[in-house]
Amino acid sequence: MVTQIDESEFSSTVLQSSLPVLVDFTAAWCGPCQALAPVLEEISKEMAGRLSIVKVDVDDAPDAAAAHGVTAMPTLVLFKGGRETWRRVGAAPKRVLSEELAKAV
C-alpha cells in the first residue's frame, strides 16, 4: 500500500526506515503522476516486506523536494539506509519499474 507522507514525516518514514523506501515525488496536477499511481500500488503489493512505497506531494512538501533535487514529476527515488541508491524521472511501464526496482532493492 502506498501511503502519503508530508515533510514532517520524511525523516522518520524514509531516512530512518529499516526497509528500502521508494519515494514517489508527485503532484495532483501531474497527469503522468496520476497514471503511475495504480502501477505503484501494484508494485507495493508485489514487493511487500521487501520495499515500502510512499508518496510526497511536491506542492505540500517543497522543502523535501528541493532537498532531494526534484525538479520534474514524477520523480521516483529509492532510499536504502537513509541514502539515495536509485532514481528515475518520468513514468515508465510496470514491467520496467519492477525490473529496475528488483535489481535496486
N, C-alpha and C. Protein backbone atom coordinates (compact mmCIF):
# COMPACT_ATOMS: atom_id res chain seq x y z
N MET A 1 0.83 -1.18 0.00
CA MET A 1 0.00 0.00 0.00
C MET A 1 0.87 1.25 0.00
N VAL A 2 0.59 2.15 -0.91
CA VAL A 2 1.32 3.41 -0.99
C VAL A 2 0.66 4.40 -0.04
N THR A 3 1.47 4.99 0.83
CA THR A 3 0.93 5.97 1.77
C THR A 3 1.49 7.35 1.45
N GLN A 4 0.70 8.37 1.71
CA GLN A 4 1.15 9.74 1.51
C GLN A 4 1.75 10.25 2.80
N ILE A 5 2.91 10.91 2.69
CA ILE A 5 3.55 11.50 3.86
C ILE A 5 3.82 12.97 3.59
N ASP A 6 4.07 13.72 4.65
CA ASP A 6 4.42 15.13 4.50
C ASP A 6 5.86 15.33 4.96
N GLU A 7 6.31 16.56 4.90
CA GLU A 7 7.70 16.86 5.24
C GLU A 7 8.07 16.47 6.66
N SER A 8 7.13 16.62 7.59
CA SER A 8 7.43 16.30 8.98
C SER A 8 7.66 14.81 9.19
N GLU A 9 7.16 13.98 8.29
CA GLU A 9 7.30 12.53 8.42
C GLU A 9 8.45 11.97 7.58
N PHE A 10 9.05 12.79 6.74
CA PHE A 10 10.03 12.30 5.78
C PHE A 10 11.21 11.59 6.45
N SER A 11 11.81 12.22 7.42
CA SER A 11 12.98 11.64 8.07
C SER A 11 12.66 10.31 8.74
N SER A 12 11.62 10.28 9.54
CA SER A 12 11.30 9.04 10.27
C SER A 12 10.80 7.94 9.35
N THR A 13 10.03 8.29 8.33
CA THR A 13 9.43 7.29 7.45
C THR A 13 10.40 6.80 6.37
N VAL A 14 11.22 7.70 5.86
CA VAL A 14 12.08 7.36 4.73
C VAL A 14 13.53 7.13 5.16
N LEU A 15 14.12 8.14 5.76
CA LEU A 15 15.56 8.08 6.05
C LEU A 15 15.91 7.12 7.18
N GLN A 16 14.98 6.89 8.11
CA GLN A 16 15.27 6.01 9.24
C GLN A 16 14.63 4.63 9.11
N SER A 17 14.08 4.31 7.95
CA SER A 17 13.40 3.03 7.75
C SER A 17 14.41 1.88 7.66
N SER A 18 14.04 0.75 8.22
CA SER A 18 14.88 -0.44 8.09
C SER A 18 14.70 -1.09 6.73
N LEU A 19 13.58 -0.84 6.07
CA LEU A 19 13.33 -1.34 4.71
C LEU A 19 13.73 -0.28 3.70
N PRO A 20 14.09 -0.70 2.48
CA PRO A 20 14.25 0.30 1.42
C PRO A 20 12.90 1.01 1.21
N VAL A 21 12.96 2.31 0.91
CA VAL A 21 11.74 3.08 0.70
C VAL A 21 11.82 3.77 -0.66
N LEU A 22 10.80 3.55 -1.48
CA LEU A 22 10.67 4.25 -2.75
C LEU A 22 9.78 5.46 -2.51
N VAL A 23 10.31 6.64 -2.82
CA VAL A 23 9.54 7.87 -2.67
C VAL A 23 9.09 8.32 -4.05
N ASP A 24 7.78 8.47 -4.19
CA ASP A 24 7.17 9.00 -5.40
C ASP A 24 6.92 10.48 -5.18
N PHE A 25 7.80 11.32 -5.72
CA PHE A 25 7.59 12.76 -5.65
C PHE A 25 6.59 13.10 -6.75
N THR A 26 5.43 13.58 -6.36
CA THR A 26 4.30 13.71 -7.26
C THR A 26 3.60 15.05 -7.06
N ALA A 27 2.58 15.29 -7.88
CA ALA A 27 1.74 16.49 -7.73
C ALA A 27 0.35 16.16 -8.25
N ALA A 28 -0.66 16.75 -7.64
CA ALA A 28 -2.04 16.47 -8.01
C ALA A 28 -2.33 16.88 -9.45
N TRP A 29 -1.65 17.90 -9.95
CA TRP A 29 -1.89 18.41 -11.30
C TRP A 29 -1.11 17.67 -12.38
N CYS A 30 -0.30 16.70 -11.98
CA CYS A 30 0.60 16.00 -12.91
C CYS A 30 -0.08 14.75 -13.49
N GLY A 31 -0.41 14.79 -14.78
CA GLY A 31 -1.07 13.66 -15.44
C GLY A 31 -0.27 12.37 -15.39
N PRO A 32 1.01 12.39 -15.76
CA PRO A 32 1.81 11.16 -15.68
C PRO A 32 1.88 10.60 -14.25
N CYS A 33 1.87 11.49 -13.26
CA CYS A 33 1.87 11.04 -11.85
C CYS A 33 0.61 10.24 -11.55
N GLN A 34 -0.52 10.75 -12.01
CA GLN A 34 -1.79 10.07 -11.77
C GLN A 34 -1.82 8.71 -12.47
N ALA A 35 -1.25 8.65 -13.67
CA ALA A 35 -1.20 7.38 -14.41
C ALA A 35 -0.28 6.38 -13.72
N LEU A 36 0.75 6.86 -13.06
CA LEU A 36 1.72 5.99 -12.39
C LEU A 36 1.20 5.43 -11.07
N ALA A 37 0.26 6.13 -10.44
CA ALA A 37 -0.22 5.74 -9.11
C ALA A 37 -0.71 4.30 -9.02
N PRO A 38 -1.57 3.80 -9.92
CA PRO A 38 -2.01 2.41 -9.80
C PRO A 38 -0.88 1.40 -10.02
N VAL A 39 0.09 1.76 -10.84
CA VAL A 39 1.25 0.90 -11.07
C VAL A 39 2.04 0.75 -9.77
N LEU A 40 2.25 1.86 -9.08
CA LEU A 40 2.99 1.80 -7.81
C LEU A 40 2.22 1.03 -6.75
N GLU A 41 0.90 1.12 -6.76
CA GLU A 41 0.08 0.32 -5.83
C GLU A 41 0.31 -1.17 -6.07
N GLU A 42 0.32 -1.58 -7.33
CA GLU A 42 0.56 -3.00 -7.66
C GLU A 42 1.95 -3.43 -7.22
N ILE A 43 2.94 -2.62 -7.51
CA ILE A 43 4.32 -2.95 -7.13
C ILE A 43 4.44 -3.03 -5.60
N SER A 44 3.75 -2.15 -4.89
CA SER A 44 3.85 -2.17 -3.42
C SER A 44 3.29 -3.48 -2.87
N LYS A 45 2.25 -4.00 -3.48
CA LYS A 45 1.69 -5.29 -3.03
C LYS A 45 2.63 -6.43 -3.37
N GLU A 46 3.20 -6.40 -4.57
CA GLU A 46 4.10 -7.47 -5.01
C GLU A 46 5.41 -7.49 -4.22
N MET A 47 5.87 -6.33 -3.77
CA MET A 47 7.15 -6.25 -3.07
C MET A 47 6.97 -6.01 -1.57
N ALA A 48 5.79 -6.25 -1.06
CA ALA A 48 5.52 -6.06 0.38
C ALA A 48 6.52 -6.87 1.20
N GLY A 49 7.04 -6.23 2.23
CA GLY A 49 8.03 -6.88 3.08
C GLY A 49 9.46 -6.67 2.62
N ARG A 50 9.62 -6.27 1.35
CA ARG A 50 10.96 -6.00 0.82
C ARG A 50 11.15 -4.53 0.50
N LEU A 51 10.04 -3.82 0.31
CA LEU A 51 10.08 -2.43 -0.12
C LEU A 51 8.84 -1.71 0.38
N SER A 52 9.04 -0.49 0.84
CA SER A 52 7.93 0.37 1.23
C SER A 52 7.85 1.49 0.19
N ILE A 53 6.63 1.92 -0.15
CA ILE A 53 6.46 3.00 -1.12
C ILE A 53 5.63 4.11 -0.48
N VAL A 54 6.14 5.33 -0.58
CA VAL A 54 5.42 6.49 -0.07
C VAL A 54 5.33 7.54 -1.17
N LYS A 55 4.32 8.39 -1.03
CA LYS A 55 4.07 9.46 -1.97
C LYS A 55 4.26 10.79 -1.25
N VAL A 56 4.99 11.71 -1.91
CA VAL A 56 5.20 13.05 -1.36
C VAL A 56 4.72 14.05 -2.41
N ASP A 57 3.71 14.85 -2.05
CA ASP A 57 3.21 15.88 -2.95
C ASP A 57 4.16 17.08 -2.88
N VAL A 58 4.78 17.41 -4.01
CA VAL A 58 5.79 18.46 -4.01
C VAL A 58 5.21 19.84 -3.68
N ASP A 59 3.92 20.03 -3.95
CA ASP A 59 3.30 21.31 -3.61
C ASP A 59 3.10 21.46 -2.10
N ASP A 60 2.92 20.33 -1.42
CA ASP A 60 2.76 20.34 0.04
C ASP A 60 4.09 20.18 0.76
N ALA A 61 5.11 19.72 0.06
CA ALA A 61 6.42 19.46 0.68
C ALA A 61 7.55 20.01 -0.20
N PRO A 62 7.54 21.32 -0.46
CA PRO A 62 8.57 21.87 -1.35
C PRO A 62 9.99 21.76 -0.81
N ASP A 63 10.15 21.79 0.50
CA ASP A 63 11.50 21.68 1.07
C ASP A 63 12.07 20.28 0.85
N ALA A 64 11.25 19.26 1.03
CA ALA A 64 11.71 17.88 0.79
C ALA A 64 12.08 17.69 -0.67
N ALA A 65 11.25 18.22 -1.56
CA ALA A 65 11.54 18.10 -2.99
C ALA A 65 12.85 18.81 -3.33
N ALA A 66 13.02 20.01 -2.83
CA ALA A 66 14.24 20.77 -3.11
C ALA A 66 15.47 20.09 -2.52
N ALA A 67 15.34 19.56 -1.31
CA ALA A 67 16.47 18.91 -0.64
C ALA A 67 16.96 17.69 -1.41
N HIS A 68 16.08 17.09 -2.20
CA HIS A 68 16.46 15.89 -2.94
C HIS A 68 16.54 16.14 -4.44
N GLY A 69 16.63 17.41 -4.82
CA GLY A 69 16.88 17.77 -6.21
C GLY A 69 15.77 17.41 -7.17
N VAL A 70 14.54 17.41 -6.69
CA VAL A 70 13.42 17.06 -7.55
C VAL A 70 12.97 18.30 -8.31
N THR A 71 13.06 18.23 -9.64
CA THR A 71 12.67 19.37 -10.47
C THR A 71 11.60 18.99 -11.49
N ALA A 72 11.27 17.71 -11.61
CA ALA A 72 10.24 17.26 -12.54
C ALA A 72 9.44 16.15 -11.87
N MET A 73 8.19 16.04 -12.28
CA MET A 73 7.34 15.00 -11.72
C MET A 73 6.81 14.11 -12.84
N PRO A 74 6.67 12.81 -12.55
CA PRO A 74 7.04 12.17 -11.30
C PRO A 74 8.54 11.90 -11.24
N THR A 75 9.07 11.96 -10.04
CA THR A 75 10.44 11.52 -9.77
C THR A 75 10.36 10.44 -8.71
N LEU A 76 10.92 9.29 -9.02
CA LEU A 76 10.97 8.18 -8.08
C LEU A 76 12.38 8.08 -7.54
N VAL A 77 12.51 8.04 -6.21
CA VAL A 77 13.83 7.95 -5.58
C VAL A 77 13.79 6.82 -4.56
N LEU A 78 14.73 5.89 -4.67
CA LEU A 78 14.84 4.78 -3.73
C LEU A 78 15.89 5.11 -2.68
N PHE A 79 15.50 4.98 -1.42
CA PHE A 79 16.40 5.21 -0.30
C PHE A 79 16.64 3.89 0.41
N LYS A 80 17.90 3.59 0.66
CA LYS A 80 18.28 2.42 1.48
C LYS A 80 19.23 2.93 2.54
N GLY A 81 18.91 2.64 3.80
CA GLY A 81 19.77 3.09 4.88
C GLY A 81 19.89 4.60 4.94
N GLY A 82 18.83 5.30 4.51
CA GLY A 82 18.83 6.74 4.57
C GLY A 82 19.54 7.43 3.42
N ARG A 83 20.02 6.65 2.45
CA ARG A 83 20.76 7.23 1.32
C ARG A 83 20.09 6.88 0.00
N GLU A 84 20.13 7.82 -0.93
CA GLU A 84 19.58 7.57 -2.26
C GLU A 84 20.44 6.54 -2.98
N THR A 85 19.77 5.51 -3.54
CA THR A 85 20.51 4.47 -4.26
C THR A 85 20.03 4.28 -5.69
N TRP A 86 18.89 4.88 -6.04
CA TRP A 86 18.33 4.73 -7.39
C TRP A 86 17.36 5.87 -7.63
N ARG A 87 17.28 6.31 -8.90
CA ARG A 87 16.37 7.41 -9.24
C ARG A 87 15.88 7.23 -10.67
N ARG A 88 14.62 7.59 -10.87
CA ARG A 88 14.04 7.62 -12.21
C ARG A 88 13.14 8.84 -12.29
N VAL A 89 13.32 9.62 -13.35
CA VAL A 89 12.47 10.78 -13.61
C VAL A 89 11.53 10.40 -14.74
N GLY A 90 10.23 10.58 -14.50
CA GLY A 90 9.23 10.26 -15.51
C GLY A 90 8.60 8.91 -15.25
N ALA A 91 7.43 8.74 -15.83
CA ALA A 91 6.70 7.48 -15.69
C ALA A 91 7.33 6.40 -16.57
N ALA A 92 7.05 5.15 -16.24
CA ALA A 92 7.55 4.02 -17.02
C ALA A 92 6.55 2.88 -16.87
N PRO A 93 6.55 1.94 -17.81
CA PRO A 93 5.66 0.78 -17.68
C PRO A 93 5.99 -0.04 -16.43
N LYS A 94 5.00 -0.73 -15.93
CA LYS A 94 5.16 -1.53 -14.72
C LYS A 94 6.31 -2.53 -14.84
N ARG A 95 6.40 -3.20 -15.98
CA ARG A 95 7.45 -4.20 -16.18
C ARG A 95 8.83 -3.58 -15.99
N VAL A 96 9.03 -2.41 -16.56
CA VAL A 96 10.33 -1.73 -16.47
C VAL A 96 10.63 -1.35 -15.01
N LEU A 97 9.65 -0.73 -14.37
CA LEU A 97 9.84 -0.32 -12.97
C LEU A 97 10.10 -1.53 -12.07
N SER A 98 9.32 -2.59 -12.25
CA SER A 98 9.50 -3.79 -11.43
C SER A 98 10.89 -4.37 -11.59
N GLU A 99 11.37 -4.45 -12.82
CA GLU A 99 12.71 -4.99 -13.06
C GLU A 99 13.79 -4.12 -12.43
N GLU A 100 13.68 -2.82 -12.64
CA GLU A 100 14.70 -1.91 -12.10
C GLU A 100 14.69 -1.92 -10.56
N LEU A 101 13.50 -1.93 -9.98
CA LEU A 101 13.41 -1.94 -8.52
C LEU A 101 13.90 -3.25 -7.93
N ALA A 102 13.60 -4.37 -8.59
CA ALA A 102 14.07 -5.67 -8.10
C ALA A 102 15.60 -5.70 -8.04
N LYS A 103 16.25 -5.10 -9.02
CA LYS A 103 17.71 -5.04 -9.02
C LYS A 103 18.22 -4.07 -7.96
N ALA A 104 17.52 -2.96 -7.79
CA ALA A 104 17.98 -1.91 -6.88
C ALA A 104 17.76 -2.26 -5.41
N VAL A 105 16.72 -3.04 -5.13
CA VAL A 105 16.41 -3.39 -3.74
C VAL A 105 17.38 -4.46 -3.30
